[in-house]
Amino acid sequence: MVLAEIAQESMRAGHELVLDFSALHLLDSAGIGQLVLISMQAQAPGRDVSIACASDRVRYLLDLTNVASLFEFFGSVSGALEECSSNAA
């Protein structure tokens, strides 16, 4: 199962999505494509998708490809989860 399929299942279940990029050091065009697909899938049910712990290199690549504009970024997973919780309340 690919990332977009897992994300879609989570959003169908009513969850907001936080992608933890702390272990991600490189991102290729396939990964960027998955992120764009996840963003599109989130728009239909009105879900938010956040990215936590993106390295400077990954963030630069997402900025360069304009994919960064599709997501909200957080320095920590806990910060992203807090934001999701406060938006749900």
PDB file of N, CA and C in Angstrom:
ATOM      1  N   MET A   1       0.852  -1.171   0.000  1.00  0.00           N
ATOM      2  CA  MET A   1       0.000   0.000   0.000  1.00  0.00           C
ATOM      3  C   MET A   1       0.904   1.242   0.000  1.00  0.00           C
ATOM      4  N   VAL A   2       0.569   2.208  -0.830  1.00  0.00           N
ATOM      5  CA  VAL A   2       1.372   3.423  -0.912  1.00  0.00           C
ATOM      6  C   VAL A   2       0.843   4.478   0.053  1.00  0.00           C
ATOM      7  N   LEU A   3       1.647   5.476   0.296  1.00  0.00           N
ATOM      8  CA  LEU A   3       1.335   6.505   1.282  1.00  0.00           C
ATOM      9  C   LEU A   3      -0.023   7.150   1.046  1.00  0.00           C
ATOM     10  N   ALA A   4      -0.337   7.496  -0.190  1.00  0.00           N
ATOM     11  CA  ALA A   4      -1.606   8.171  -0.478  1.00  0.00           C
ATOM     12  C   ALA A   4      -2.801   7.294  -0.111  1.00  0.00           C
ATOM     13  N   GLU A   5      -2.683   5.984  -0.300  1.00  0.00           N
ATOM     14  CA  GLU A   5      -3.781   5.083   0.056  1.00  0.00           C
ATOM     15  C   GLU A   5      -3.971   5.025   1.570  1.00  0.00           C
ATOM     16  N   ILE A   6      -2.880   4.963   2.298  1.00  0.00           N
ATOM     17  CA  ILE A   6      -2.954   4.947   3.767  1.00  0.00           C
ATOM     18  C   ILE A   6      -3.547   6.262   4.270  1.00  0.00           C
ATOM     19  N   ALA A   7      -3.106   7.358   3.698  1.00  0.00           N
ATOM     20  CA  ALA A   7      -3.613   8.672   4.096  1.00  0.00           C
ATOM     21  C   ALA A   7      -5.103   8.780   3.814  1.00  0.00           C
ATOM     22  N   GLN A   8      -5.534   8.297   2.661  1.00  0.00           N
ATOM     23  CA  GLN A   8      -6.947   8.372   2.306  1.00  0.00           C
ATOM     24  C   GLN A   8      -7.808   7.568   3.282  1.00  0.00           C
ATOM     25  N   GLU A   9      -7.354   6.395   3.668  1.00  0.00           N
ATOM     26  CA  GLU A   9      -8.084   5.585   4.650  1.00  0.00           C
ATOM     27  C   GLU A   9      -8.213   6.328   5.979  1.00  0.00           C
ATOM     28  N   SER A  10      -7.150   6.961   6.403  1.00  0.00           N
ATOM     29  CA  SER A  10      -7.170   7.711   7.657  1.00  0.00           C
ATOM     30  C   SER A  10      -8.148   8.879   7.584  1.00  0.00           C
ATOM     31  N   MET A  11      -8.147   9.587   6.467  1.00  0.00           N
ATOM     32  CA  MET A  11      -9.045  10.728   6.321  1.00  0.00           C
ATOM     33  C   MET A  11     -10.497  10.276   6.208  1.00  0.00           C
ATOM     34  N   ARG A  12     -10.737   9.149   5.554  1.00  0.00           N
ATOM     35  CA  ARG A  12     -12.101   8.599   5.480  1.00  0.00           C
ATOM     36  C   ARG A  12     -12.631   8.262   6.870  1.00  0.00           C
ATOM     37  N   ALA A  13     -11.724   7.864   7.746  1.00  0.00           N
ATOM     38  CA  ALA A  13     -12.109   7.527   9.118  1.00  0.00           C
ATOM     39  C   ALA A  13     -12.342   8.789   9.956  1.00  0.00           C
ATOM     40  N   GLY A  14     -12.136   9.959   9.363  1.00  0.00           N
ATOM     41  CA  GLY A  14     -12.418  11.202  10.059  1.00  0.00           C
ATOM     42  C   GLY A  14     -11.235  11.837  10.753  1.00  0.00           C
ATOM     43  N   HIS A  15     -10.037  11.385  10.442  1.00  0.00           N
ATOM     44  CA  HIS A  15      -8.844  11.897  11.108  1.00  0.00           C
ATOM     45  C   HIS A  15      -8.169  12.995  10.300  1.00  0.00           C
ATOM     46  N   GLU A  16      -7.596  13.959  11.015  1.00  0.00           N
ATOM     47  CA  GLU A  16      -6.684  14.904  10.385  1.00  0.00           C
ATOM     48  C   GLU A  16      -5.369  14.150  10.207  1.00  0.00           C
ATOM     49  N   LEU A  17      -4.510  14.618   9.350  1.00  0.00           N
ATOM     50  CA  LEU A  17      -3.299  13.877   9.025  1.00  0.00           C
ATOM     51  C   LEU A  17      -2.061  14.708   9.331  1.00  0.00           C
ATOM     52  N   VAL A  18      -1.128  14.103  10.074  1.00  0.00           N
ATOM     53  CA  VAL A  18       0.178  14.710  10.338  1.00  0.00           C
ATOM     54  C   VAL A  18       1.230  13.758   9.787  1.00  0.00           C
ATOM     55  N   LEU A  19       2.001  14.243   8.839  1.00  0.00           N
ATOM     56  CA  LEU A  19       3.082  13.452   8.250  1.00  0.00           C
ATOM     57  C   LEU A  19       4.377  13.796   8.971  1.00  0.00           C
ATOM     58  N   ASP A  20       4.969  12.798   9.608  1.00  0.00           N
ATOM     59  CA  ASP A  20       6.218  12.982  10.348  1.00  0.00           C
ATOM     60  C   ASP A  20       7.388  12.750   9.396  1.00  0.00           C
ATOM     61  N   PHE A  21       8.082  13.814   9.050  1.00  0.00           N
ATOM     62  CA  PHE A  21       9.196  13.741   8.105  1.00  0.00           C
ATOM     63  C   PHE A  21      10.546  13.671   8.814  1.00  0.00           C
ATOM     64  N   SER A  22      10.580  13.378  10.097  1.00  0.00           N
ATOM     65  CA  SER A  22      11.843  13.407  10.842  1.00  0.00           C
ATOM     66  C   SER A  22      12.874  12.420  10.297  1.00  0.00           C
ATOM     67  N   ALA A  23      12.447  11.325   9.716  1.00  0.00           N
ATOM     68  CA  ALA A  23      13.391  10.335   9.181  1.00  0.00           C
ATOM     69  C   ALA A  23      13.587  10.477   7.671  1.00  0.00           C
ATOM     70  N   LEU A  24      12.959  11.490   7.084  1.00  0.00           N
ATOM     71  CA  LEU A  24      13.035  11.685   5.636  1.00  0.00           C
ATOM     72  C   LEU A  24      14.171  12.643   5.302  1.00  0.00           C
ATOM     73  N   HIS A  25      15.111  12.176   4.493  1.00  0.00           N
ATOM     74  CA  HIS A  25      16.254  13.006   4.124  1.00  0.00           C
ATOM     75  C   HIS A  25      16.240  13.394   2.657  1.00  0.00           C
ATOM     76  N   LEU A  26      15.590  12.590   1.829  1.00  0.00           N
ATOM     77  CA  LEU A  26      15.496  12.847   0.398  1.00  0.00           C
ATOM     78  C   LEU A  26      14.057  12.662  -0.047  1.00  0.00           C
ATOM     79  N   LEU A  27      13.685  13.357  -1.103  1.00  0.00           N
ATOM     80  CA  LEU A  27      12.345  13.248  -1.649  1.00  0.00           C
ATOM     81  C   LEU A  27      12.459  13.330  -3.158  1.00  0.00           C
ATOM     82  N   ASP A  28      11.948  12.299  -3.850  1.00  0.00           N
ATOM     83  CA  ASP A  28      12.025  12.305  -5.308  1.00  0.00           C
ATOM     84  C   ASP A  28      10.674  12.691  -5.902  1.00  0.00           C
ATOM     85  N   SER A  29      10.580  12.650  -7.226  1.00  0.00           N
ATOM     86  CA  SER A  29       9.355  13.071  -7.894  1.00  0.00           C
ATOM     87  C   SER A  29       8.167  12.181  -7.536  1.00  0.00           C
ATOM     88  N   ALA A  30       8.410  10.907  -7.271  1.00  0.00           N
ATOM     89  CA  ALA A  30       7.318  10.019  -6.862  1.00  0.00           C
ATOM     90  C   ALA A  30       6.765  10.436  -5.507  1.00  0.00           C
ATOM     91  N   GLY A  31       7.640  10.806  -4.598  1.00  0.00           N
ATOM     92  CA  GLY A  31       7.208  11.271  -3.280  1.00  0.00           C
ATOM     93  C   GLY A  31       6.447  12.575  -3.372  1.00  0.00           C
ATOM     94  N   ILE A  32       6.916  13.473  -4.220  1.00  0.00           N
ATOM     95  CA  ILE A  32       6.212  14.740  -4.417  1.00  0.00           C
ATOM     96  C   ILE A  32       4.825  14.478  -4.998  1.00  0.00           C
ATOM     97  N   GLY A  33       4.751  13.549  -5.938  1.00  0.00           N
ATOM     98  CA  GLY A  33       3.459  13.179  -6.514  1.00  0.00           C
ATOM     99  C   GLY A  33       2.499  12.637  -5.466  1.00  0.00           C
ATOM    100  N   GLN A  34       3.016  11.827  -4.549  1.00  0.00           N
ATOM    101  CA  GLN A  34       2.185  11.294  -3.469  1.00  0.00           C
ATOM    102  C   GLN A  34       1.665  12.415  -2.577  1.00  0.00           C
ATOM    103  N   LEU A  35       2.513  13.403  -2.290  1.00  0.00           N
ATOM    104  CA  LEU A  35       2.090  14.526  -1.458  1.00  0.00           C
ATOM    105  C   LEU A  35       1.000  15.350  -2.142  1.00  0.00           C
ATOM    106  N   VAL A  36       1.135  15.567  -3.435  1.00  0.00           N
ATOM    107  CA  VAL A  36       0.109  16.303  -4.171  1.00  0.00           C
ATOM    108  C   VAL A  36      -1.203  15.523  -4.149  1.00  0.00           C
ATOM    109  N   LEU A  37      -1.136  14.217  -4.346  1.00  0.00           N
ATOM    110  CA  LEU A  37      -2.333  13.371  -4.311  1.00  0.00           C
ATOM    111  C   LEU A  37      -2.989  13.416  -2.930  1.00  0.00           C
ATOM    112  N   ILE A  38      -2.191  13.341  -1.879  1.00  0.00           N
ATOM    113  CA  ILE A  38      -2.727  13.417  -0.511  1.00  0.00           C
ATOM    114  C   ILE A  38      -3.429  14.756  -0.299  1.00  0.00           C
ATOM    115  N   SER A  39      -2.832  15.833  -0.773  1.00  0.00           N
ATOM    116  CA  SER A  39      -3.450  17.146  -0.632  1.00  0.00           C
ATOM    117  C   SER A  39      -4.791  17.195  -1.356  1.00  0.00           C
ATOM    118  N   MET A  40      -4.853  16.643  -2.549  1.00  0.00           N
ATOM    119  CA  MET A  40      -6.098  16.625  -3.309  1.00  0.00           C
ATOM    120  C   MET A  40      -7.155  15.778  -2.593  1.00  0.00           C
ATOM    121  N   GLN A  41      -6.751  14.650  -2.044  1.00  0.00           N
ATOM    122  CA  GLN A  41      -7.687  13.782  -1.329  1.00  0.00           C
ATOM    123  C   GLN A  41      -8.215  14.459  -0.069  1.00  0.00           C
ATOM    124  N   ALA A  42      -7.409  15.282   0.555  1.00  0.00           N
ATOM    125  CA  ALA A  42      -7.812  15.960   1.788  1.00  0.00           C
ATOM    126  C   ALA A  42      -8.814  17.071   1.519  1.00  0.00           C
ATOM    127  N   GLN A  43      -8.758  17.676   0.351  1.00  0.00           N
ATOM    128  CA  GLN A  43      -9.641  18.791   0.043  1.00  0.00           C
ATOM    129  C   GLN A  43     -11.108  18.366  -0.014  1.00  0.00           C
ATOM    130  N   ALA A  44     -11.390  17.207  -0.584  1.00  0.00           N
ATOM    131  CA  ALA A  44     -12.778  16.767  -0.751  1.00  0.00           C
ATOM    132  C   ALA A  44     -13.527  16.677   0.583  1.00  0.00           C
ATOM    133  N   PRO A  45     -12.985  15.974   1.582  1.00  0.00           N
ATOM    134  CA  PRO A  45     -13.707  15.902   2.865  1.00  0.00           C
ATOM    135  C   PRO A  45     -13.397  17.068   3.808  1.00  0.00           C
ATOM    136  N   GLY A  46     -12.619  18.039   3.340  1.00  0.00           N
ATOM    137  CA  GLY A  46     -12.296  19.198   4.182  1.00  0.00           C
ATOM    138  C   GLY A  46     -11.311  18.884   5.295  1.00  0.00           C
ATOM    139  N   ARG A  47     -10.411  17.976   5.066  1.00  0.00           N
ATOM    140  CA  ARG A  47      -9.410  17.589   6.062  1.00  0.00           C
ATOM    141  C   ARG A  47      -8.153  18.439   5.905  1.00  0.00           C
ATOM    142  N   ASP A  48      -7.419  18.568   7.014  1.00  0.00           N
ATOM    143  CA  ASP A  48      -6.136  19.256   6.999  1.00  0.00           C
ATOM    144  C   ASP A  48      -5.019  18.227   7.017  1.00  0.00           C
ATOM    145  N   VAL A  49      -3.967  18.517   6.291  1.00  0.00           N
ATOM    146  CA  VAL A  49      -2.767  17.685   6.301  1.00  0.00           C
ATOM    147  C   VAL A  49      -1.601  18.582   6.680  1.00  0.00           C
ATOM    148  N   SER A  50      -0.860  18.168   7.696  1.00  0.00           N
ATOM    149  CA  SER A  50       0.297  18.926   8.168  1.00  0.00           C
ATOM    150  C   SER A  50       1.550  18.090   8.006  1.00  0.00           C
ATOM    151  N   ILE A  51       2.668  18.775   7.869  1.00  0.00           N
ATOM    152  CA  ILE A  51       3.966  18.108   7.803  1.00  0.00           C
ATOM    153  C   ILE A  51       4.773  18.566   9.010  1.00  0.00           C
ATOM    154  N   ALA A  52       5.313  17.599   9.736  1.00  0.00           N
ATOM    155  CA  ALA A  52       6.118  17.899  10.919  1.00  0.00           C
ATOM    156  C   ALA A  52       7.553  17.449  10.694  1.00  0.00           C
ATOM    157  N   CYS A  53       8.464  18.209  11.236  1.00  0.00           N
ATOM    158  CA  CYS A  53       9.895  17.848  11.293  1.00  0.00           C
ATOM    159  C   CYS A  53      10.560  17.716   9.927  1.00  0.00           C
ATOM    160  N   ALA A  54      10.162  18.512   8.965  1.00  0.00           N
ATOM    161  CA  ALA A  54      10.811  18.451   7.647  1.00  0.00           C
ATOM    162  C   ALA A  54      12.198  19.080   7.740  1.00  0.00           C
ATOM    163  N   SER A  55      13.176  18.412   7.176  1.00  0.00           N
ATOM    164  CA  SER A  55      14.537  18.958   7.158  1.00  0.00           C
ATOM    165  C   SER A  55      14.576  20.182   6.239  1.00  0.00           C
ATOM    166  N   ASP A  56      15.610  20.993   6.389  1.00  0.00           N
ATOM    167  CA  ASP A  56      15.763  22.167   5.529  1.00  0.00           C
ATOM    168  C   ASP A  56      15.828  21.763   4.059  1.00  0.00           C
ATOM    169  N   ARG A  57      16.505  20.669   3.788  1.00  0.00           N
ATOM    170  CA  ARG A  57      16.665  20.198   2.405  1.00  0.00           C
ATOM    171  C   ARG A  57      15.319  19.803   1.800  1.00  0.00           C
ATOM    172  N   VAL A  58      14.532  19.044   2.561  1.00  0.00           N
ATOM    173  CA  VAL A  58      13.221  18.620   2.073  1.00  0.00           C
ATOM    174  C   VAL A  58      12.306  19.834   1.935  1.00  0.00           C
ATOM    175  N   ARG A  59      12.330  20.723   2.902  1.00  0.00           N
ATOM    176  CA  ARG A  59      11.495  21.922   2.839  1.00  0.00           C
ATOM    177  C   ARG A  59      11.873  22.776   1.632  1.00  0.00           C
ATOM    178  N   TYR A  60      13.160  22.900   1.356  1.00  0.00           N
ATOM    179  CA  TYR A  60      13.618  23.656   0.193  1.00  0.00           C
ATOM    180  C   TYR A  60      13.045  23.058  -1.090  1.00  0.00           C
ATOM    181  N   LEU A  61      13.109  21.745  -1.210  1.00  0.00           N
ATOM    182  CA  LEU A  61      12.589  21.072  -2.399  1.00  0.00           C
ATOM    183  C   LEU A  61      11.080  21.287  -2.536  1.00  0.00           C
ATOM    184  N   LEU A  62      10.361  21.209  -1.423  1.00  0.00           N
ATOM    185  CA  LEU A  62       8.913  21.432  -1.463  1.00  0.00           C
ATOM    186  C   LEU A  62       8.588  22.886  -1.807  1.00  0.00           C
ATOM    187  N   ASP A  63       9.406  23.817  -1.326  1.00  0.00           N
ATOM    188  CA  ASP A  63       9.235  25.228  -1.697  1.00  0.00           C
ATOM    189  C   ASP A  63       9.524  25.435  -3.180  1.00  0.00           C
ATOM    190  N   LEU A  64      10.595  24.826  -3.650  1.00  0.00           N
ATOM    191  CA  LEU A  64      11.021  24.969  -5.044  1.00  0.00           C
ATOM    192  C   LEU A  64       9.953  24.465  -6.007  1.00  0.00           C
ATOM    193  N   THR A  65       9.279  23.388  -5.648  1.00  0.00           N
ATOM    194  CA  THR A  65       8.242  22.799  -6.505  1.00  0.00           C
ATOM    195  C   THR A  65       6.852  23.363  -6.207  1.00  0.00           C
ATOM    196  N   ASN A  66       6.764  24.290  -5.282  1.00  0.00           N
ATOM    197  CA  ASN A  66       5.521  24.934  -4.856  1.00  0.00           C
ATOM    198  C   ASN A  66       4.557  23.966  -4.160  1.00  0.00           C
ATOM    199  N   VAL A  67       5.010  22.811  -3.784  1.00  0.00           N
ATOM    200  CA  VAL A  67       4.187  21.852  -3.055  1.00  0.00           C
ATOM    201  C   VAL A  67       4.033  22.290  -1.595  1.00  0.00           C
ATOM    202  N   ALA A  68       4.987  23.039  -1.091  1.00  0.00           N
ATOM    203  CA  ALA A  68       4.926  23.506   0.301  1.00  0.00           C
ATOM    204  C   ALA A  68       3.668  24.329   0.557  1.00  0.00           C
ATOM    205  N   SER A  69       3.171  25.001  -0.459  1.00  0.00           N
ATOM    206  CA  SER A  69       1.982  25.846  -0.286  1.00  0.00           C
ATOM    207  C   SER A  69       0.725  25.029   0.005  1.00  0.00           C
ATOM    208  N   LEU A  70       0.784  23.723  -0.187  1.00  0.00           N
ATOM    209  CA  LEU A  70      -0.372  22.852   0.038  1.00  0.00           C
ATOM    210  C   LEU A  70      -0.509  22.397   1.485  1.00  0.00           C
ATOM    211  N   PHE A  71       0.528  22.618   2.295  1.00  0.00           N
ATOM    212  CA  PHE A  71       0.567  22.062   3.641  1.00  0.00           C
ATOM    213  C   PHE A  71       0.951  23.118   4.672  1.00  0.00           C
ATOM    214  N   GLU A  72       0.598  22.823   5.917  1.00  0.00           N
ATOM    215  CA  GLU A  72       1.077  23.618   7.042  1.00  0.00           C
ATOM    216  C   GLU A  72       2.242  22.851   7.659  1.00  0.00           C
ATOM    217  N   PHE A  73       3.298  23.565   8.021  1.00  0.00           N
ATOM    218  CA  PHE A  73       4.504  22.935   8.552  1.00  0.00           C
ATOM    219  C   PHE A  73       4.660  23.226  10.031  1.00  0.00           C
ATOM    220  N   PHE A  74       5.175  22.224  10.759  1.00  0.00           N
ATOM    221  CA  PHE A  74       5.418  22.337  12.190  1.00  0.00           C
ATOM    222  C   PHE A  74       6.796  21.787  12.505  1.00  0.00           C
ATOM    223  N   GLY A  75       7.407  22.318  13.537  1.00  0.00           N
ATOM    224  CA  GLY A  75       8.726  21.866  13.954  1.00  0.00           C
ATOM    225  C   GLY A  75       8.696  20.555  14.713  1.00  0.00           C
ATOM    226  N   SER A  76       7.517  20.168  15.195  1.00  0.00           N
ATOM    227  CA  SER A  76       7.405  18.924  15.954  1.00  0.00           C
ATOM    228  C   SER A  76       6.061  18.266  15.675  1.00  0.00           C
ATOM    229  N   VAL A  77       6.017  16.969  15.875  1.00  0.00           N
ATOM    230  CA  VAL A  77       4.767  16.223  15.721  1.00  0.00           C
ATOM    231  C   VAL A  77       3.776  16.680  16.784  1.00  0.00           C
ATOM    232  N   SER A  78       4.264  16.871  18.011  1.00  0.00           N
ATOM    233  CA  SER A  78       3.363  17.286  19.084  1.00  0.00           C
ATOM    234  C   SER A  78       2.728  18.653  18.780  1.00  0.00           C
ATOM    235  N   GLY A  79       3.486  19.558  18.196  1.00  0.00           N
ATOM    236  CA  GLY A  79       2.941  20.857  17.822  1.00  0.00           C
ATOM    237  C   GLY A  79       1.855  20.735  16.760  1.00  0.00           C
ATOM    238  N   ALA A  80       2.087  19.860  15.794  1.00  0.00           N
ATOM    239  CA  ALA A  80       1.085  19.632  14.747  1.00  0.00           C
ATOM    240  C   ALA A  80      -0.168  18.995  15.327  1.00  0.00           C
ATOM    241  N   LEU A  81       0.007  18.035  16.219  1.00  0.00           N
ATOM    242  CA  LEU A  81      -1.144  17.374  16.839  1.00  0.00           C
ATOM    243  C   LEU A  81      -1.940  18.340  17.709  1.00  0.00           C
ATOM    244  N   GLU A  82      -1.247  19.218  18.418  1.00  0.00           N
ATOM    245  CA  GLU A  82      -1.935  20.231  19.227  1.00  0.00           C
ATOM    246  C   GLU A  82      -2.785  21.133  18.346  1.00  0.00           C
ATOM    247  N   GLU A  83      -2.234  21.517  17.212  1.00  0.00           N
ATOM    248  CA  GLU A  83      -2.975  22.372  16.287  1.00  0.00           C
ATOM    249  C   GLU A  83      -4.214  21.643  15.750  1.00  0.00           C
ATOM    250  N   CYS A  84      -4.054  20.361  15.418  1.00  0.00           N
ATOM    251  CA  CYS A  84      -5.199  19.563  14.958  1.00  0.00           C
ATOM    252  C   CYS A  84      -6.268  19.495  16.035  1.00  0.00           C
ATOM    253  N   SER A  85      -5.844  19.295  17.274  1.00  0.00           N
ATOM    254  CA  SER A  85      -6.782  19.200  18.394  1.00  0.00           C
ATOM    255  C   SER A  85      -7.520  20.505  18.614  1.00  0.00           C
ATOM    256  N   SER A  86      -6.811  21.614  18.515  1.00  0.00           N
ATOM    257  CA  SER A  86      -7.453  22.904  18.758  1.00  0.00           C
ATOM    258  C   SER A  86      -8.401  23.269  17.616  1.00  0.00           C
ATOM    259  N   ASN A  87      -8.107  22.832  16.407  1.00  0.00           N
ATOM    260  CA  ASN A  87      -9.005  23.085  15.273  1.00  0.00           C
ATOM    261  C   ASN A  87     -10.267  22.246  15.363  1.00  0.00           C
ATOM    262  N   ALA A  88     -10.153  21.069  15.968  1.00  0.00           N
ATOM    263  CA  ALA A  88     -11.313  20.169  16.095  1.00  0.00           C
ATOM    264  C   ALA A  88     -12.250  20.621  17.193  1.00  0.00           C
ATOM    265  N   ALA A  89     -11.729  21.373  18.151  1.00  0.00           N
ATOM    266  CA  ALA A  89     -12.556  21.797  19.299  1.00  0.00           C
ATOM    267  C   ALA A  89     -13.475  22.939  18.968  1.00  0.00           C
TER     268      ALA A  89
END
